[in-house]
Amino acid sequence: MSTFSIQTSSNSSTSMAPTFLLVGMPGLSTVPSWWTIPLITLYLLSALGNGTILWIIAVEPTLHRPMYFFLFLLSVSDMGLATALMPTLLGLALADAHVVSATACLLQMFFVHVFSVMESSVLLTMAFDRALAICRPLHYPTLLNNGFIGKISLVIAFRCLGLHLPLPFLLAHMPYCHPQVLTHSYCLHPDLTRLACPGTWGAVYSLFVVLSAMGLDPLLIFFSYGLIGKVLQGLGSSEERWKAGQTCAAHLAAVFLFYVPMILLALIDRLRLPVPQPAHTLLSYVHFLLPPLLNPILYSVKMKEIRERILKRLQPMKVGFTH
């Protein structure tokens, strides 16, 4: 019996069915086991990289500064996002399990979007941090004190939890006009709201929540870099410009890595571009799975203090193994 045999669509609305069907990557259902090893390897490397960043920032007193605190939060969001995606990805890879319960699907959607919005919020905060450090270097230590950082953390927490907490309950009680088939390998908010009947208040609220973060944050980040670029143009020597620009290199790479696939996915969905489903699914994997893998590498390579502290901590271990 086909995995994809479900109820046919009808014009009448119904309440949420007890299960959803994940399409996943077309073609992989015939050989589900071959991509298990790369998937687990990718997750373990992400855990190792982000775990190392979290560990070195926690144990090194010299890294207890605003920039590294925000990097700590970025690693938390990356690790949380990768972990939230794994249940359905591994279910598809190991057991070709396309059917997922509605409760599990709503929980996964909640955590995926909480950690996605957390990452977006942290990237925005890091952009403001760099803009403040470069544009107002004399005021930077007094403005970004512990009290202000605490308030920023509360705002990020409210954005992630306060605004998203109603979403699973709203989606669970909305009328649905389409079969509950999701086009990805995990439960995502746009997929779920597309199945709901048009014009429902819950769909409007959920769209507002997503756009308030994912639509606004990139604009504010680019505005911050506009201010940074203006200041860099006024610096006397090219060496000063290079040195100041290097402090932003890792963050800029993380911004492009996170937002470019997201914007492309949004354009494909909204403009209904004729992109093959495997390419569309692969782009979503890039958006969700590559940042947790590559961000620790970017920051370890580009940030001298992080790199030096990791090597310094590992050196005694290396010496211990040689004896």
Protein backbone atom coordinates (compact mmCIF):
# COMPACT_ATOMS: atom_id res chain seq x y z
CA MET A 1 0.00 0.00 0.00
CA SER A 2 1.32 3.47 -0.89
CA THR A 3 2.62 5.62 1.91
CA PHE A 4 0.80 8.61 0.48
CA SER A 5 -2.74 7.24 0.46
CA ILE A 6 -4.78 9.73 2.48
CA GLN A 7 -8.15 11.35 2.41
CA THR A 8 -9.12 13.25 -0.73
CA SER A 9 -9.68 16.96 -0.56
CA SER A 10 -13.11 18.44 -0.44
CA ASN A 11 -14.61 21.89 -0.52
CA SER A 12 -15.98 21.55 3.00
CA SER A 13 -13.88 22.45 6.02
CA THR A 14 -13.01 19.97 8.73
CA SER A 15 -11.21 20.07 12.05
CA MET A 16 -7.55 19.00 12.25
CA ALA A 17 -7.08 15.28 11.56
CA PRO A 18 -5.07 13.22 14.09
CA THR A 19 -2.11 12.78 11.70
CA PHE A 20 -0.11 14.65 9.05
CA LEU A 21 1.75 13.21 6.08
CA LEU A 22 5.32 14.34 5.38
CA VAL A 23 6.34 14.20 1.72
CA GLY A 24 10.07 14.55 2.46
CA MET A 25 12.60 14.30 -0.34
CA PRO A 26 10.98 12.62 -3.37
CA GLY A 27 12.90 9.52 -4.42
CA LEU A 28 14.47 8.80 -1.04
CA SER A 29 11.57 6.61 0.09
CA THR A 30 12.91 3.75 -2.06
CA VAL A 31 16.34 3.85 -0.35
CA PRO A 32 15.70 5.50 3.02
CA SER A 33 18.79 4.13 4.77
CA TRP A 34 21.61 5.59 2.65
CA TRP A 35 21.20 9.16 3.88
CA THR A 36 20.97 8.14 7.56
CA ILE A 37 24.77 8.20 8.07
CA PRO A 38 25.30 11.68 6.51
CA LEU A 39 22.35 13.00 8.52
CA ILE A 40 23.61 11.66 11.84
CA THR A 41 27.16 12.79 11.01
CA LEU A 42 25.92 16.30 10.23
CA TYR A 43 24.03 16.46 13.52
CA LEU A 44 26.96 15.15 15.57
CA LEU A 45 29.35 17.64 13.93
CA SER A 46 26.88 20.46 14.64
CA ALA A 47 26.63 19.32 18.26
CA LEU A 48 30.42 19.14 18.56
CA GLY A 49 30.97 22.57 17.01
CA ASN A 50 28.27 24.39 18.96
CA GLY A 51 29.12 22.48 22.14
CA THR A 52 32.73 23.65 21.82
CA ILE A 53 31.62 27.28 21.40
CA LEU A 54 29.30 27.02 24.42
CA TRP A 55 32.02 25.35 26.50
CA ILE A 56 34.81 27.81 25.69
CA ILE A 57 32.64 30.87 26.33
CA ALA A 58 31.38 29.41 29.63
CA VAL A 59 34.80 28.49 31.02
CA GLU A 60 36.87 31.46 29.77
CA PRO A 61 36.42 34.60 31.92
CA THR A 62 38.04 36.74 29.19
CA LEU A 63 35.14 35.84 26.87
CA HIS A 64 32.46 37.03 29.30
CA ARG A 65 31.71 40.07 27.15
CA PRO A 66 28.59 41.13 25.20
CA MET A 67 29.80 39.98 21.78
CA TYR A 68 30.59 36.48 23.07
CA PHE A 69 27.39 36.28 25.14
CA PHE A 70 25.43 36.84 21.91
CA LEU A 71 27.56 34.19 20.21
CA PHE A 72 26.66 31.86 23.11
CA LEU A 73 22.94 32.50 22.41
CA LEU A 74 23.51 31.89 18.69
CA SER A 75 25.01 28.46 19.44
CA VAL A 76 22.06 27.64 21.73
CA SER A 77 19.60 28.51 18.93
CA ASP A 78 21.60 26.52 16.36
CA MET A 79 21.74 23.46 18.59
CA GLY A 80 18.05 23.75 19.47
CA LEU A 81 17.05 24.11 15.81
CA ALA A 82 19.05 21.09 14.67
CA THR A 83 17.66 18.99 17.56
CA ALA A 84 14.05 20.02 16.85
CA LEU A 85 14.36 18.87 13.21
CA MET A 86 15.91 15.46 13.92
CA PRO A 87 12.85 13.38 15.04
CA THR A 88 11.03 13.49 11.70
CA LEU A 89 14.24 13.53 9.62
CA LEU A 90 15.53 10.40 11.34
CA GLY A 91 12.07 8.81 11.16
CA LEU A 92 12.08 9.27 7.38
CA ALA A 93 15.70 8.15 7.02
CA LEU A 94 15.56 5.08 9.29
CA ALA A 95 12.01 3.82 8.90
CA ASP A 96 10.47 5.74 5.97
CA ALA A 97 7.95 7.05 8.53
CA HIS A 98 5.92 9.64 6.61
CA VAL A 99 2.98 9.75 9.04
CA VAL A 100 3.36 11.96 12.12
CA SER A 101 0.77 12.65 14.81
CA ALA A 102 -0.81 16.10 14.90
CA THR A 103 0.44 16.71 18.46
CA ALA A 104 4.03 15.83 17.57
CA CYS A 105 3.78 17.92 14.41
CA LEU A 106 2.56 21.01 16.30
CA LEU A 107 5.27 20.57 18.93
CA GLN A 108 7.97 20.31 16.28
CA MET A 109 6.59 23.35 14.45
CA PHE A 110 6.64 25.32 17.72
CA PHE A 111 10.26 24.49 18.58
CA VAL A 112 11.53 24.89 15.01
CA HIS A 113 10.08 28.39 14.78
CA VAL A 114 11.03 29.35 18.34
CA PHE A 115 14.69 28.54 17.64
CA SER A 116 14.51 30.07 14.13
CA VAL A 117 13.18 33.35 15.52
CA MET A 118 15.73 33.15 18.35
CA GLU A 119 18.52 32.85 15.75
CA SER A 120 17.11 35.74 13.75
CA SER A 121 16.80 37.87 16.90
CA VAL A 122 20.37 37.06 17.99
CA LEU A 123 21.75 37.87 14.53
CA LEU A 124 19.94 41.23 14.70
CA THR A 125 21.31 41.89 18.20
CA MET A 126 24.82 41.02 17.02
CA ALA A 127 24.45 43.48 14.13
CA PHE A 128 23.47 46.25 16.57
CA ASP A 129 26.38 45.23 18.81
CA ARG A 130 28.87 45.58 15.93
CA ALA A 131 27.29 48.86 14.78
CA LEU A 132 27.54 50.29 18.30
CA ALA A 133 31.15 49.08 18.74
CA ILE A 134 32.27 50.64 15.44
CA CYS A 135 30.11 53.76 15.33
CA ARG A 136 30.24 54.67 19.04
CA PRO A 137 33.38 52.98 20.44
CA LEU A 138 33.75 55.35 23.41
CA HIS A 139 30.15 54.80 24.57
CA TYR A 140 30.08 51.06 23.82
CA PRO A 141 31.20 49.76 27.28
CA THR A 142 28.74 51.97 29.18
CA LEU A 143 25.77 51.43 26.88
CA LEU A 144 26.08 47.65 26.62
CA ASN A 145 26.27 46.90 30.35
CA ASN A 146 24.90 43.81 32.11
CA GLY A 147 21.55 45.43 32.83
CA PHE A 148 20.98 46.31 29.18
CA ILE A 149 22.06 42.86 28.02
CA GLY A 150 19.56 41.36 30.48
CA LYS A 151 16.77 43.46 28.96
CA ILE A 152 17.79 42.36 25.46
CA SER A 153 17.64 38.72 26.59
CA LEU A 154 14.11 39.24 27.97
CA VAL A 155 12.97 40.80 24.68
CA ILE A 156 14.40 37.85 22.73
CA ALA A 157 12.69 35.40 25.12
CA PHE A 158 9.34 37.18 24.71
CA ARG A 159 9.70 37.24 20.93
CA CYS A 160 10.44 33.53 20.83
CA LEU A 161 8.07 32.18 23.49
CA GLY A 162 5.42 34.82 24.17
CA LEU A 163 4.43 35.41 20.54
CA HIS A 164 4.74 31.77 19.45
CA LEU A 165 3.05 30.05 22.37
CA PRO A 166 -0.51 30.63 21.04
CA LEU A 167 0.33 29.28 17.56
CA PRO A 168 -0.04 25.51 18.19
CA PHE A 169 -3.39 26.07 19.94
CA LEU A 170 -4.68 28.36 17.17
CA LEU A 171 -3.60 25.94 14.44
CA ALA A 172 -5.11 22.98 16.31
CA HIS A 173 -8.56 24.62 16.37
CA MET A 174 -8.64 26.15 12.90
CA PRO A 175 -10.87 24.71 10.13
CA TYR A 176 -8.93 22.92 7.38
CA CYS A 177 -9.96 22.88 3.73
CA HIS A 178 -7.13 20.75 2.31
CA PRO A 179 -5.68 17.27 2.94
CA GLN A 180 -3.05 17.34 5.67
CA VAL A 181 -0.04 16.71 3.43
CA LEU A 182 3.13 18.68 4.25
CA THR A 183 5.67 19.30 1.51
CA HIS A 184 8.81 19.06 3.68
CA SER A 185 10.51 16.51 5.94
CA TYR A 186 9.41 18.39 9.06
CA CYS A 187 6.42 20.41 10.25
CA LEU A 188 6.69 24.07 9.32
CA HIS A 189 4.33 26.95 9.97
CA PRO A 190 3.82 28.02 6.30
CA ASP A 191 2.91 24.43 5.34
CA LEU A 192 0.33 24.17 8.13
CA THR A 193 -1.34 27.53 7.50
CA ARG A 194 -1.58 26.76 3.76
CA LEU A 195 -3.84 23.83 4.62
CA ALA A 196 -6.22 25.96 6.71
CA CYS A 197 -9.28 27.60 5.25
CA PRO A 198 -8.56 31.14 3.99
CA GLY A 199 -9.47 34.11 6.15
CA THR A 200 -9.26 32.44 9.56
CA TRP A 201 -8.06 34.70 12.38
CA GLY A 202 -5.45 32.18 13.51
CA ALA A 203 -3.83 32.16 10.07
CA VAL A 204 -3.66 35.97 10.08
CA TYR A 205 -2.08 36.03 13.55
CA SER A 206 0.47 33.34 12.67
CA LEU A 207 1.45 35.22 9.50
CA PHE A 208 1.94 38.39 11.57
CA VAL A 209 4.15 36.56 14.08
CA VAL A 210 6.43 35.15 11.38
CA LEU A 211 6.68 38.38 9.36
CA SER A 212 7.32 40.49 12.49
CA ALA A 213 10.61 38.61 12.92
CA MET A 214 11.67 37.12 9.61
CA GLY A 215 10.53 40.13 7.57
CA LEU A 216 11.73 42.90 9.88
CA ASP A 217 15.04 41.50 11.13
CA PRO A 218 16.91 41.35 7.77
CA LEU A 219 15.95 44.97 7.04
CA LEU A 220 17.25 46.16 10.42
CA ILE A 221 20.46 44.13 9.97
CA PHE A 222 21.13 45.72 6.58
CA PHE A 223 20.36 49.14 8.09
CA SER A 224 22.99 48.44 10.80
CA TYR A 225 25.56 47.51 8.18
CA GLY A 226 24.69 50.66 6.26
CA LEU A 227 25.72 52.65 9.36
CA ILE A 228 28.87 50.55 9.70
CA GLY A 229 29.77 51.07 6.04
CA LYS A 230 29.34 54.83 6.40
CA VAL A 231 31.75 54.88 9.37
CA LEU A 232 34.29 52.63 7.60
CA GLN A 233 34.39 55.02 4.63
CA GLY A 234 35.43 57.81 6.98
CA LEU A 235 38.37 55.91 8.48
CA GLY A 236 41.79 57.23 7.48
CA SER A 237 43.75 54.18 6.37
CA SER A 238 42.77 51.04 4.51
CA GLU A 239 44.39 49.00 7.32
CA GLU A 240 41.95 50.49 9.87
CA ARG A 241 39.02 49.76 7.56
CA TRP A 242 40.22 46.18 7.08
CA LYS A 243 40.67 45.60 10.81
CA ALA A 244 37.22 47.02 11.63
CA GLY A 245 35.62 45.09 8.79
CA GLN A 246 37.16 41.81 9.93
CA THR A 247 35.24 42.03 13.22
CA CYS A 248 32.03 41.78 11.16
CA ALA A 249 33.15 39.09 8.68
CA ALA A 250 31.92 36.03 10.59
CA HIS A 251 28.61 37.70 11.45
CA LEU A 252 28.00 38.76 7.84
CA ALA A 253 28.68 35.19 6.66
CA ALA A 254 26.23 33.85 9.27
CA VAL A 255 23.60 36.40 8.17
CA PHE A 256 23.86 35.41 4.49
CA LEU A 257 23.90 31.71 5.37
CA PHE A 258 20.68 32.06 7.37
CA TYR A 259 18.66 34.59 5.36
CA VAL A 260 19.51 33.93 1.68
CA PRO A 261 17.98 30.40 1.56
CA MET A 262 15.02 31.66 3.65
CA ILE A 263 14.33 34.55 1.25
CA LEU A 264 14.65 32.24 -1.77
CA LEU A 265 12.17 29.79 -0.20
CA ALA A 266 9.73 32.65 0.50
CA LEU A 267 10.00 33.92 -3.09
CA ILE A 268 9.45 30.42 -4.49
CA ASP A 269 6.34 29.97 -2.33
CA ARG A 270 4.83 33.43 -2.84
CA LEU A 271 5.56 33.76 -6.57
CA ARG A 272 4.81 30.07 -7.20
CA LEU A 273 8.00 29.68 -9.23
CA PRO A 274 8.28 26.40 -11.18
CA VAL A 275 11.06 24.92 -9.04
CA PRO A 276 11.27 21.10 -8.87
CA GLN A 277 10.19 19.70 -5.50
CA PRO A 278 13.59 18.04 -4.79
CA ALA A 279 15.36 21.40 -5.31
CA HIS A 280 12.81 23.15 -3.08
CA THR A 281 13.27 20.53 -0.34
CA LEU A 282 17.07 20.65 -0.65
CA LEU A 283 16.99 24.44 -0.24
CA SER A 284 15.01 24.03 3.00
CA TYR A 285 17.68 21.57 4.24
CA VAL A 286 20.34 24.18 3.46
CA HIS A 287 18.40 26.86 5.36
CA PHE A 288 17.83 24.78 8.50
CA LEU A 289 20.80 22.40 8.68
CA LEU A 290 23.82 24.28 7.32
CA PRO A 291 23.91 27.22 9.80
CA PRO A 292 24.24 24.92 12.87
CA LEU A 293 27.07 23.10 11.10
CA LEU A 294 28.97 26.08 9.65
CA ASN A 295 28.46 28.87 12.21
CA PRO A 296 30.88 27.37 14.78
CA ILE A 297 33.49 26.95 12.02
CA LEU A 298 33.01 30.54 10.80
CA TYR A 299 33.39 32.01 14.27
CA SER A 300 36.31 29.77 15.20
CA VAL A 301 38.20 30.72 12.05
CA LYS A 302 37.33 34.42 11.90
CA MET A 303 37.45 35.33 15.61
CA LYS A 304 41.02 35.18 16.85
CA GLU A 305 40.12 35.13 20.56
CA ILE A 306 37.77 32.16 20.19
CA ARG A 307 40.35 30.24 18.16
CA GLU A 308 43.23 30.98 20.54
CA ARG A 309 41.23 30.09 23.67
CA ILE A 310 40.11 26.77 22.19
CA LEU A 311 43.69 25.87 21.20
CA LYS A 312 44.97 26.95 24.63
CA ARG A 313 42.43 24.73 26.42
CA LEU A 314 43.11 21.76 24.14
CA GLN A 315 46.89 22.00 24.44
CA PRO A 316 47.12 20.43 27.96
CA MET A 317 44.83 17.61 26.81
CA LYS A 318 47.09 16.94 23.82
CA VAL A 319 50.18 16.91 26.07
CA GLY A 320 48.39 14.56 28.50
CA PHE A 321 47.66 12.06 25.72
CA THR A 322 51.29 12.00 24.58
CA HIS A 323 52.54 10.83 28.03
